[in-house]
PDB file of N, CA and C in Angstrom:
ATOM      1  N   MET A   1     113.072  83.468  97.251  1.00  0.00           N
ATOM      2  CA  MET A   1     113.694  83.606  95.953  1.00  0.00           C
ATOM      3  C   MET A   1     112.998  84.731  95.208  1.00  0.00           C
ATOM      4  N   LYS A   2     113.717  85.759  94.912  1.00  0.00           N
ATOM      5  CA  LYS A   2     113.165  86.870  94.150  1.00  0.00           C
ATOM      6  C   LYS A   2     113.109  86.449  92.690  1.00  0.00           C
ATOM      7  N   TYR A   3     111.893  86.318  92.150  1.00  0.00           N
ATOM      8  CA  TYR A   3     111.694  85.887  90.767  1.00  0.00           C
ATOM      9  C   TYR A   3     111.898  87.063  89.821  1.00  0.00           C
ATOM     10  N   ASN A   4     111.332  88.199  90.187  1.00  0.00           N
ATOM     11  CA  ASN A   4     111.576  89.448  89.482  1.00  0.00           C
ATOM     12  C   ASN A   4     111.264  90.590  90.445  1.00  0.00           C
ATOM     13  N   GLU A   5     111.184  91.788  89.944  1.00  0.00           N
ATOM     14  CA  GLU A   5     110.996  92.957  90.803  1.00  0.00           C
ATOM     15  C   GLU A   5     109.698  92.904  91.611  1.00  0.00           C
ATOM     16  N   TYR A   6     108.678  92.218  91.097  1.00  0.00           N
ATOM     17  CA  TYR A   6     107.357  92.219  91.717  1.00  0.00           C
ATOM     18  C   TYR A   6     106.924  90.879  92.305  1.00  0.00           C
ATOM     19  N   ILE A   7     107.678  89.820  92.041  1.00  0.00           N
ATOM     20  CA  ILE A   7     107.266  88.464  92.433  1.00  0.00           C
ATOM     21  C   ILE A   7     108.360  87.796  93.260  1.00  0.00           C
ATOM     22  N   THR A   8     107.954  87.243  94.420  1.00  0.00           N
ATOM     23  CA  THR A   8     108.881  86.524  95.293  1.00  0.00           C
ATOM     24  C   THR A   8     108.266  85.190  95.675  1.00  0.00           C
ATOM     25  N   PHE A   9     109.048  84.114  95.550  1.00  0.00           N
ATOM     26  CA  PHE A   9     108.636  82.787  96.001  1.00  0.00           C
ATOM     27  C   PHE A   9     109.379  82.470  97.293  1.00  0.00           C
ATOM     28  N   GLY A  10     108.746  81.718  98.179  1.00  0.00           N
ATOM     29  CA  GLY A  10     109.399  81.356  99.426  1.00  0.00           C
ATOM     30  C   GLY A  10     108.861  80.060  99.998  1.00  0.00           C
ATOM     31  N   VAL A  11     109.658  79.444 100.850  1.00  0.00           N
ATOM     32  CA  VAL A  11     109.245  78.247 101.585  1.00  0.00           C
ATOM     33  C   VAL A  11     109.387  78.541 103.072  1.00  0.00           C
ATOM     34  N   PRO A  12     108.613  77.853 103.904  1.00  0.00           N
ATOM     35  CA  PRO A  12     108.698  78.108 105.351  1.00  0.00           C
ATOM     36  C   PRO A  12     109.983  77.551 105.944  1.00  0.00           C
ATOM     37  N   ASN A  13     110.350  78.092 107.099  1.00  0.00           N
ATOM     38  CA  ASN A  13     111.452  77.510 107.856  1.00  0.00           C
ATOM     39  C   ASN A  13     111.062  76.101 108.273  1.00  0.00           C
ATOM     40  N   GLN A  14     112.019  75.203 108.273  1.00  0.00           N
ATOM     41  CA  GLN A  14     111.737  73.806 108.603  1.00  0.00           C
ATOM     42  C   GLN A  14     112.326  73.457 109.967  1.00  0.00           C
ATOM     43  N   GLN A  15     111.648  72.583 110.657  1.00  0.00           N
ATOM     44  CA  GLN A  15     112.118  72.086 111.948  1.00  0.00           C
ATOM     45  C   GLN A  15     113.225  71.061 111.710  1.00  0.00           C
ATOM     46  N   MET A  16     114.286  71.153 112.452  1.00  0.00           N
ATOM     47  CA  MET A  16     115.374  70.188 112.325  1.00  0.00           C
ATOM     48  C   MET A  16     114.946  68.847 112.909  1.00  0.00           C
ATOM     49  N   PRO A  17     115.325  67.734 112.275  1.00  0.00           N
ATOM     50  CA  PRO A  17     114.974  66.418 112.823  1.00  0.00           C
ATOM     51  C   PRO A  17     115.737  66.147 114.123  1.00  0.00           C
ATOM     52  N   SER A  18     115.208  65.245 114.899  1.00  0.00           N
ATOM     53  CA  SER A  18     115.909  64.879 116.133  1.00  0.00           C
ATOM     54  C   SER A  18     117.212  64.156 115.791  1.00  0.00           C
ATOM     55  N   PHE A  19     118.057  63.955 116.781  1.00  0.00           N
ATOM     56  CA  PHE A  19     119.394  63.414 116.575  1.00  0.00           C
ATOM     57  C   PHE A  19     119.379  62.057 115.865  1.00  0.00           C
ATOM     58  N   PHE A  20     118.449  61.171 116.223  1.00  0.00           N
ATOM     59  CA  PHE A  20     118.419  59.832 115.624  1.00  0.00           C
ATOM     60  C   PHE A  20     117.394  59.708 114.500  1.00  0.00           C
ATOM     61  N   ASP A  21     116.841  60.793 114.054  1.00  0.00           N
ATOM     62  CA  ASP A  21     115.892  60.780 112.949  1.00  0.00           C
ATOM     63  C   ASP A  21     116.670  61.016 111.659  1.00  0.00           C
ATOM     64  N   PHE A  22     116.858  59.966 110.874  1.00  0.00           N
ATOM     65  CA  PHE A  22     117.665  60.061 109.668  1.00  0.00           C
ATOM     66  C   PHE A  22     116.824  60.229 108.402  1.00  0.00           C
ATOM     67  N   LEU A  23     115.505  60.412 108.559  1.00  0.00           N
ATOM     68  CA  LEU A  23     114.631  60.620 107.414  1.00  0.00           C
ATOM     69  C   LEU A  23     114.663  62.089 107.005  1.00  0.00           C
ATOM     70  N   LEU A  24     114.639  62.331 105.742  1.00  0.00           N
ATOM     71  CA  LEU A  24     114.510  63.699 105.253  1.00  0.00           C
ATOM     72  C   LEU A  24     113.033  63.951 104.984  1.00  0.00           C
ATOM     73  N   HIS A  25     112.338  64.397 105.996  1.00  0.00           N
ATOM     74  CA  HIS A  25     110.915  64.664 105.879  1.00  0.00           C
ATOM     75  C   HIS A  25     110.663  66.126 106.227  1.00  0.00           C
ATOM     76  N   PHE A  26     109.992  66.828 105.339  1.00  0.00           N
ATOM     77  CA  PHE A  26     109.645  68.215 105.609  1.00  0.00           C
ATOM     78  C   PHE A  26     108.326  68.240 106.365  1.00  0.00           C
ATOM     79  N   HIS A  27     108.297  68.956 107.479  1.00  0.00           N
ATOM     80  CA  HIS A  27     107.099  69.007 108.313  1.00  0.00           C
ATOM     81  C   HIS A  27     106.088  70.017 107.782  1.00  0.00           C
ATOM     82  N   ASN A  28     106.551  71.013 107.086  1.00  0.00           N
ATOM     83  CA  ASN A  28     105.673  72.044 106.549  1.00  0.00           C
ATOM     84  C   ASN A  28     105.943  72.144 105.056  1.00  0.00           C
ATOM     85  N   THR A  29     105.066  71.608 104.248  1.00  0.00           N
ATOM     86  CA  THR A  29     105.317  71.525 102.807  1.00  0.00           C
ATOM     87  C   THR A  29     104.468  72.533 102.033  1.00  0.00           C
ATOM     88  N   ASN A  30     104.718  73.783 102.269  1.00  0.00           N
ATOM     89  CA  ASN A  30     104.040  74.852 101.531  1.00  0.00           C
ATOM     90  C   ASN A  30     105.053  75.637 100.718  1.00  0.00           C
ATOM     91  N   LEU A  31     104.549  76.246  99.667  1.00  0.00           N
ATOM     92  CA  LEU A  31     105.319  77.178  98.868  1.00  0.00           C
ATOM     93  C   LEU A  31     104.480  78.441  98.780  1.00  0.00           C
ATOM     94  N   TYR A  32     105.121  79.584  98.955  1.00  0.00           N
ATOM     95  CA  TYR A  32     104.412  80.857  98.943  1.00  0.00           C
ATOM     96  C   TYR A  32     104.888  81.717  97.783  1.00  0.00           C
ATOM     97  N   CYS A  33     103.966  82.501  97.248  1.00  0.00           N
ATOM     98  CA  CYS A  33     104.307  83.471  96.221  1.00  0.00           C
ATOM     99  C   CYS A  33     103.627  84.791  96.578  1.00  0.00           C
ATOM    100  N   ASP A  34     104.423  85.847  96.628  1.00  0.00           N
ATOM    101  CA  ASP A  34     103.912  87.194  96.883  1.00  0.00           C
ATOM    102  C   ASP A  34     104.108  88.019  95.618  1.00  0.00           C
ATOM    103  N   ILE A  35     103.010  88.648  95.167  1.00  0.00           N
ATOM    104  CA  ILE A  35     103.022  89.435  93.943  1.00  0.00           C
ATOM    105  C   ILE A  35     102.519  90.829  94.298  1.00  0.00           C
ATOM    106  N   GLU A  36     103.270  91.830  93.863  1.00  0.00           N
ATOM    107  CA  GLU A  36     102.895  93.193  94.203  1.00  0.00           C
ATOM    108  C   GLU A  36     102.919  94.063  92.956  1.00  0.00           C
ATOM    109  N   ASP A  37     101.888  94.896  92.797  1.00  0.00           N
ATOM    110  CA  ASP A  37     101.911  95.923  91.765  1.00  0.00           C
ATOM    111  C   ASP A  37     101.544  97.252  92.411  1.00  0.00           C
ATOM    112  N   GLU A  38     101.285  98.288  91.618  1.00  0.00           N
ATOM    113  CA  GLU A  38     101.026  99.607  92.198  1.00  0.00           C
ATOM    114  C   GLU A  38      99.807  99.617  93.123  1.00  0.00           C
ATOM    115  N   ASN A  39      98.772  98.843  92.770  1.00  0.00           N
ATOM    116  CA  ASN A  39      97.497  98.917  93.485  1.00  0.00           C
ATOM    117  C   ASN A  39      97.176  97.723  94.364  1.00  0.00           C
ATOM    118  N   ASN A  40      97.738  96.565  94.035  1.00  0.00           N
ATOM    119  CA  ASN A  40      97.320  95.325  94.694  1.00  0.00           C
ATOM    120  C   ASN A  40      98.489  94.504  95.204  1.00  0.00           C
ATOM    121  N   TYR A  41      98.142  93.632  96.135  1.00  0.00           N
ATOM    122  CA  TYR A  41      99.090  92.663  96.685  1.00  0.00           C
ATOM    123  C   TYR A  41      98.403  91.299  96.615  1.00  0.00           C
ATOM    124  N   THR A  42      99.051  90.314  96.010  1.00  0.00           N
ATOM    125  CA  THR A  42      98.470  88.976  95.855  1.00  0.00           C
ATOM    126  C   THR A  42      99.346  87.954  96.556  1.00  0.00           C
ATOM    127  N   GLU A  43      98.700  87.033  97.268  1.00  0.00           N
ATOM    128  CA  GLU A  43      99.391  85.916  97.909  1.00  0.00           C
ATOM    129  C   GLU A  43      98.839  84.615  97.324  1.00  0.00           C
ATOM    130  N   ILE A  44      99.747  83.746  96.889  1.00  0.00           N
ATOM    131  CA  ILE A  44      99.359  82.409  96.416  1.00  0.00           C
ATOM    132  C   ILE A  44     100.132  81.410  97.257  1.00  0.00           C
ATOM    133  N   THR A  45      99.433  80.382  97.752  1.00  0.00           N
ATOM    134  CA  THR A  45     100.050  79.355  98.594  1.00  0.00           C
ATOM    135  C   THR A  45      99.774  77.984  97.994  1.00  0.00           C
ATOM    136  N   TRP A  46     100.861  77.234  97.753  1.00  0.00           N
ATOM    137  CA  TRP A  46     100.746  75.856  97.283  1.00  0.00           C
ATOM    138  C   TRP A  46     100.809  74.924  98.488  1.00  0.00           C
ATOM    139  N   SER A  47      99.899  73.943  98.532  1.00  0.00           N
ATOM    140  CA  SER A  47      99.944  72.913  99.568  1.00  0.00           C
ATOM    141  C   SER A  47     100.332  71.565  98.967  1.00  0.00           C
ATOM    142  N   ASP A  48     100.417  71.518  97.648  1.00  0.00           N
ATOM    143  CA  ASP A  48     100.852  70.340  96.911  1.00  0.00           C
ATOM    144  C   ASP A  48     101.091  70.797  95.472  1.00  0.00           C
ATOM    145  N   GLU A  49     101.725  69.940  94.682  1.00  0.00           N
ATOM    146  CA  GLU A  49     101.918  70.292  93.287  1.00  0.00           C
ATOM    147  C   GLU A  49     100.549  70.417  92.632  1.00  0.00           C
ATOM    148  N   ASN A  50     100.318  71.493  91.897  1.00  0.00           N
ATOM    149  CA  ASN A  50      99.041  71.787  91.242  1.00  0.00           C
ATOM    150  C   ASN A  50      97.886  72.008  92.210  1.00  0.00           C
ATOM    151  N   LYS A  51      98.167  72.244  93.484  1.00  0.00           N
ATOM    152  CA  LYS A  51      97.116  72.517  94.461  1.00  0.00           C
ATOM    153  C   LYS A  51      97.492  73.797  95.211  1.00  0.00           C
ATOM    154  N   PHE A  52      96.754  74.856  94.937  1.00  0.00           N
ATOM    155  CA  PHE A  52      97.091  76.159  95.495  1.00  0.00           C
ATOM    156  C   PHE A  52      95.824  76.959  95.749  1.00  0.00           C
ATOM    157  N   SER A  53      95.987  78.019  96.512  1.00  0.00           N
ATOM    158  CA  SER A  53      94.908  78.978  96.737  1.00  0.00           C
ATOM    159  C   SER A  53      95.516  80.366  96.672  1.00  0.00           C
ATOM    160  N   GLY A  54      94.680  81.360  96.426  1.00  0.00           N
ATOM    161  CA  GLY A  54      95.200  82.706  96.308  1.00  0.00           C
ATOM    162  C   GLY A  54      94.182  83.757  96.693  1.00  0.00           C
ATOM    163  N   ALA A  55      94.698  84.928  97.009  1.00  0.00           N
ATOM    164  CA  ALA A  55      93.853  86.073  97.328  1.00  0.00           C
ATOM    165  C   ALA A  55      94.588  87.349  96.931  1.00  0.00           C
ATOM    166  N   THR A  56      93.813  88.335  96.486  1.00  0.00           N
ATOM    167  CA  THR A  56      94.352  89.639  96.128  1.00  0.00           C
ATOM    168  C   THR A  56      93.715  90.698  97.009  1.00  0.00           C
ATOM    169  N   TYR A  57      94.567  91.567  97.533  1.00  0.00           N
ATOM    170  CA  TYR A  57      94.141  92.644  98.433  1.00  0.00           C
ATOM    171  C   TYR A  57      94.417  93.990  97.771  1.00  0.00           C
ATOM    172  N   SER A  58      93.531  94.933  97.988  1.00  0.00           N
ATOM    173  CA  SER A  58      93.749  96.297  97.527  1.00  0.00           C
ATOM    174  C   SER A  58      94.694  96.985  98.506  1.00  0.00           C
ATOM    175  N   LYS A  59      95.722  97.641  97.990  1.00  0.00           N
ATOM    176  CA  LYS A  59      96.645  98.371  98.859  1.00  0.00           C
ATOM    177  C   LYS A  59      95.974  99.606  99.472  1.00  0.00           C
ATOM    178  N   ASN A  60      95.030 100.193  98.747  1.00  0.00           N
ATOM    179  CA  ASN A  60      94.390 101.431  99.213  1.00  0.00           C
ATOM    180  C   ASN A  60      93.542 101.226 100.454  1.00  0.00           C
ATOM    181  N   ASN A  61      92.636 100.247 100.414  1.00  0.00           N
ATOM    182  CA  ASN A  61      91.718 100.072 101.545  1.00  0.00           C
ATOM    183  C   ASN A  61      91.876  98.726 102.247  1.00  0.00           C
ATOM    184  N   LYS A  62      92.899  97.971 101.870  1.00  0.00           N
ATOM    185  CA  LYS A  62      93.245  96.695 102.523  1.00  0.00           C
ATOM    186  C   LYS A  62      92.114  95.664 102.468  1.00  0.00           C
ATOM    187  N   GLU A  63      91.198  95.799 101.503  1.00  0.00           N
ATOM    188  CA  GLU A  63      90.098  94.843 101.345  1.00  0.00           C
ATOM    189  C   GLU A  63      90.482  93.759 100.358  1.00  0.00           C
ATOM    190  N   ILE A  64      89.920  92.570 100.549  1.00  0.00           N
ATOM    191  CA  ILE A  64      90.110  91.473  99.594  1.00  0.00           C
ATOM    192  C   ILE A  64      89.284  91.797  98.356  1.00  0.00           C
ATOM    193  N   ILE A  65      89.930  91.801  97.198  1.00  0.00           N
ATOM    194  CA  ILE A  65      89.206  92.089  95.964  1.00  0.00           C
ATOM    195  C   ILE A  65      89.096  90.865  95.058  1.00  0.00           C
ATOM    196  N   GLY A  66      89.725  89.769  95.443  1.00  0.00           N
ATOM    197  CA  GLY A  66      89.636  88.530  94.679  1.00  0.00           C
ATOM    198  C   GLY A  66      90.187  87.372  95.477  1.00  0.00           C
ATOM    199  N   THR A  67      89.543  86.207  95.364  1.00  0.00           N
ATOM    200  CA  THR A  67      90.011  85.025  96.090  1.00  0.00           C
ATOM    201  C   THR A  67      89.578  83.760  95.359  1.00  0.00           C
ATOM    202  N   THR A  68      90.336  82.699  95.569  1.00  0.00           N
ATOM    203  CA  THR A  68      89.997  81.407  94.956  1.00  0.00           C
ATOM    204  C   THR A  68      89.188  80.532  95.915  1.00  0.00           C
ATOM    205  N   SER A  69      88.705  81.084  97.000  1.00  0.00           N
ATOM    206  CA  SER A  69      88.034  80.282  98.027  1.00  0.00           C
ATOM    207  C   SER A  69      86.787  79.564  97.512  1.00  0.00           C
ATOM    208  N   ASP A  70      86.088  80.117  96.530  1.00  0.00           N
ATOM    209  CA  ASP A  70      84.892  79.467  95.987  1.00  0.00           C
ATOM    210  C   ASP A  70      85.173  78.676  94.714  1.00  0.00           C
ATOM    211  N   PHE A  71      86.439  78.555  94.328  1.00  0.00           N
ATOM    212  CA  PHE A  71      86.784  77.824  93.111  1.00  0.00           C
ATOM    213  C   PHE A  71      86.532  76.333  93.282  1.00  0.00           C
ATOM    214  N   LYS A  72      86.114  75.706  92.202  1.00  0.00           N
ATOM    215  CA  LYS A  72      86.027  74.244  92.138  1.00  0.00           C
ATOM    216  C   LYS A  72      87.333  73.738  91.525  1.00  0.00           C
ATOM    217  N   ASN A  73      87.589  72.445  91.623  1.00  0.00           N
ATOM    218  CA  ASN A  73      88.864  71.892  91.140  1.00  0.00           C
ATOM    219  C   ASN A  73      89.205  72.312  89.715  1.00  0.00           C
ATOM    220  N   GLU A  74      88.228  72.256  88.808  1.00  0.00           N
ATOM    221  CA  GLU A  74      88.507  72.577  87.404  1.00  0.00           C
ATOM    222  C   GLU A  74      88.811  74.065  87.202  1.00  0.00           C
ATOM    223  N   ASP A  75      88.361  74.915  88.121  1.00  0.00           N
ATOM    224  CA  ASP A  75      88.613  76.351  87.991  1.00  0.00           C
ATOM    225  C   ASP A  75      90.099  76.696  88.110  1.00  0.00           C
ATOM    226  N   PHE A  76      90.852  75.901  88.839  1.00  0.00           N
ATOM    227  CA  PHE A  76      92.275  76.189  89.040  1.00  0.00           C
ATOM    228  C   PHE A  76      93.095  75.974  87.763  1.00  0.00           C
ATOM    229  N   ASN A  77      92.539  75.274  86.781  1.00  0.00           N
ATOM    230  CA  ASN A  77      93.217  75.088  85.496  1.00  0.00           C
ATOM    231  C   ASN A  77      92.807  76.140  84.475  1.00  0.00           C
ATOM    232  N   ASN A  78      91.824  76.961  84.820  1.00  0.00           N
ATOM    233  CA  ASN A  78      91.309  77.984  83.924  1.00  0.00           C
ATOM    234  C   ASN A  78      92.066  79.296  84.183  1.00  0.00           C
ATOM    235  N   MET A  79      93.093  79.551  83.378  1.00  0.00           N
ATOM    236  CA  MET A  79      93.944  80.722  83.589  1.00  0.00           C
ATOM    237  C   MET A  79      93.174  82.029  83.389  1.00  0.00           C
ATOM    238  N   LYS A  80      92.176  82.025  82.515  1.00  0.00           N
ATOM    239  CA  LYS A  80      91.360  83.226  82.317  1.00  0.00           C
ATOM    240  C   LYS A  80      90.583  83.548  83.590  1.00  0.00           C
ATOM    241  N   LYS A  81      89.986  82.541  84.207  1.00  0.00           N
ATOM    242  CA  LYS A  81      89.227  82.748  85.439  1.00  0.00           C
ATOM    243  C   LYS A  81      90.161  83.176  86.583  1.00  0.00           C
ATOM    244  N   LEU A  82      91.318  82.528  86.700  1.00  0.00           N
ATOM    245  CA  LEU A  82      92.307  82.916  87.717  1.00  0.00           C
ATOM    246  C   LEU A  82      92.752  84.358  87.510  1.00  0.00           C
ATOM    247  N   SER A  83      93.019  84.709  86.271  1.00  0.00           N
ATOM    248  CA  SER A  83      93.460  86.050  85.933  1.00  0.00           C
ATOM    249  C   SER A  83      92.421  87.090  86.356  1.00  0.00           C
ATOM    250  N   GLU A  84      91.177  86.848  86.012  1.00  0.00           N
ATOM    251  CA  GLU A  84      90.110  87.790  86.345  1.00  0.00           C
ATOM    252  C   GLU A  84      89.900  87.885  87.860  1.00  0.00           C
ATOM    253  N   GLU A  85      89.955  86.770  88.543  1.00  0.00           N
ATOM    254  CA  GLU A  85      89.690  86.766  89.984  1.00  0.00           C
ATOM    255  C   GLU A  85      90.826  87.414  90.779  1.00  0.00           C
ATOM    256  N   LEU A  86      92.074  87.127  90.393  1.00  0.00           N
ATOM    257  CA  LEU A  86      93.225  87.634  91.142  1.00  0.00           C
ATOM    258  C   LEU A  86      93.776  88.951  90.587  1.00  0.00           C
ATOM    259  N   HIS A  87      93.167  89.462  89.511  1.00  0.00           N
ATOM    260  CA  HIS A  87      93.547  90.747  88.928  1.00  0.00           C
ATOM    261  C   HIS A  87      95.005  90.758  88.457  1.00  0.00           C
ATOM    262  N   ILE A  88      95.393  89.679  87.772  1.00  0.00           N
ATOM    263  CA  ILE A  88      96.744  89.550  87.202  1.00  0.00           C
ATOM    264  C   ILE A  88      96.572  89.130  85.749  1.00  0.00           C
ATOM    265  N   GLU A  89      97.356  89.716  84.844  1.00  0.00           N
ATOM    266  CA  GLU A  89      97.275  89.354  83.432  1.00  0.00           C
ATOM    267  C   GLU A  89      97.316  87.839  83.254  1.00  0.00           C
ATOM    268  N   GLU A  90      96.558  87.339  82.274  1.00  0.00           N
ATOM    269  CA  GLU A  90      96.466  85.898  82.049  1.00  0.00           C
ATOM    270  C   GLU A  90      97.825  85.265  81.756  1.00  0.00           C
ATOM    271  N   SER A  91      98.647  85.914  80.943  1.00  0.00           N
ATOM    272  CA  SER A  91      99.969  85.347  80.627  1.00  0.00           C
ATOM    273  C   SER A  91     100.860  85.326  81.872  1.00  0.00           C
ATOM    274  N   LYS A  92     100.748  86.351  82.719  1.00  0.00           N
ATOM    275  CA  LYS A  92     101.560  86.398  83.934  1.00  0.00           C
ATOM    276  C   LYS A  92     101.110  85.362  84.950  1.00  0.00           C
ATOM    277  N   ILE A  93      99.792  85.186  85.105  1.00  0.00           N
ATOM    278  CA  ILE A  93      99.323  84.204  86.096  1.00  0.00           C
ATOM    279  C   ILE A  93      99.720  82.800  85.658  1.00  0.00           C
ATOM    280  N   LYS A  94      99.675  82.529  84.365  1.00  0.00           N
ATOM    281  CA  LYS A  94     100.099  81.211  83.878  1.00  0.00           C
ATOM    282  C   LYS A  94     101.577  80.985  84.185  1.00  0.00           C
ATOM    283  N   GLU A  95     102.407  81.991  83.938  1.00  0.00           N
ATOM    284  CA  GLU A  95     103.840  81.886  84.225  1.00  0.00           C
ATOM    285  C   GLU A  95     104.081  81.660  85.720  1.00  0.00           C
ATOM    286  N   ILE A  96     103.352  82.374  86.563  1.00  0.00           N
ATOM    287  CA  ILE A  96     103.500  82.243  88.014  1.00  0.00           C
ATOM    288  C   ILE A  96     103.083  80.857  88.479  1.00  0.00           C
ATOM    289  N   ILE A  97     101.946  80.370  87.994  1.00  0.00           N
ATOM    290  CA  ILE A  97     101.446  79.048  88.399  1.00  0.00           C
ATOM    291  C   ILE A  97     102.398  77.961  87.922  1.00  0.00           C
ATOM    292  N   ASP A  98     102.862  78.057  86.676  1.00  0.00           N
ATOM    293  CA  ASP A  98     103.818  77.061  86.163  1.00  0.00           C
ATOM    294  C   ASP A  98     105.104  77.052  86.988  1.00  0.00           C
ATOM    295  N   LYS A  99     105.625  78.238  87.303  1.00  0.00           N
ATOM    296  CA  LYS A  99     106.856  78.331  88.095  1.00  0.00           C
ATOM    297  C   LYS A  99     106.629  77.787  89.509  1.00  0.00           C
ATOM    298  N   GLY A 100     105.493  78.118  90.112  1.00  0.00           N
ATOM    299  CA  GLY A 100     105.180  77.613  91.447  1.00  0.00           C
ATOM    300  C   GLY A 100     105.077  76.102  91.480  1.00  0.00           C
ATOM    301  N   ASN A 101     104.416  75.517  90.488  1.00  0.00           N
ATOM    302  CA  ASN A 101     104.307  74.054  90.420  1.00  0.00           C
ATOM    303  C   ASN A 101     105.677  73.405  90.265  1.00  0.00           C
ATOM    304  N   MET A 102     106.520  74.009  89.425  1.00  0.00           N
ATOM    305  CA  MET A 102     107.871  73.481  89.227  1.00  0.00           C
ATOM    306  C   MET A 102     108.685  73.563  90.523  1.00  0.00           C
ATOM    307  N   LEU A 103     108.639  74.708  91.200  1.00  0.00           N
ATOM    308  CA  LEU A 103     109.386  74.862  92.447  1.00  0.00           C
ATOM    309  C   LEU A 103     108.872  73.915  93.528  1.00  0.00           C
ATOM    310  N   TYR A 104     107.560  73.766  93.620  1.00  0.00           N
ATOM    311  CA  TYR A 104     107.004  72.854  94.623  1.00  0.00           C
ATOM    312  C   TYR A 104     107.548  71.442  94.392  1.00  0.00           C
ATOM    313  N   LYS A 105     107.535  71.020  93.147  1.00  0.00           N
ATOM    314  CA  LYS A 105     108.030  69.691  92.799  1.00  0.00           C
ATOM    315  C   LYS A 105     109.518  69.555  93.144  1.00  0.00           C
ATOM    316  N   GLU A 106     110.311  70.585  92.843  1.00  0.00           N
ATOM    317  CA  GLU A 106     111.741  70.546  93.151  1.00  0.00           C
ATOM    318  C   GLU A 106     112.006  70.465  94.650  1.00  0.00           C
ATOM    319  N   PHE A 107     111.244  71.217  95.434  1.00  0.00           N
ATOM    320  CA  PHE A 107     111.465  71.256  96.885  1.00  0.00           C
ATOM    321  C   PHE A 107     110.975  69.988  97.596  1.00  0.00           C
ATOM    322  N   TYR A 108     109.826  69.472  97.198  1.00  0.00           N
ATOM    323  CA  TYR A 108     109.157  68.483  98.027  1.00  0.00           C
ATOM    324  C   TYR A 108     108.983  67.098  97.407  1.00  0.00           C
ATOM    325  N   ASN A 109     109.323  66.895  96.152  1.00  0.00           N
ATOM    326  CA  ASN A 109     109.194  65.541  95.572  1.00  0.00           C
ATOM    327  C   ASN A 109     110.541  64.877  95.455  1.00  0.00           C
TER     328      ASN A 109
END
């Protein structure tokens, strides 16, 4: 789903259930968000509602310039810290996280 010119949300392809499996169960419950600007590329992956990880890569030298890998649980609610780590404006990261949480809930709950 193209959210805007720079942001795309997506879900993985799902395996079809067997013929006699009448449960609607998703085998892969992730939501992905790709964010691109002139200099950086950011990937955010949700594994549950309000549970996500992210990393930002420099387009110039393909190095990781920010990641949530060392974040503690409370850090994921701190939009200022997320903004600084992922190199995305605080208002934009809040909008992205809110939209991702909403989409995750719509797809998987």
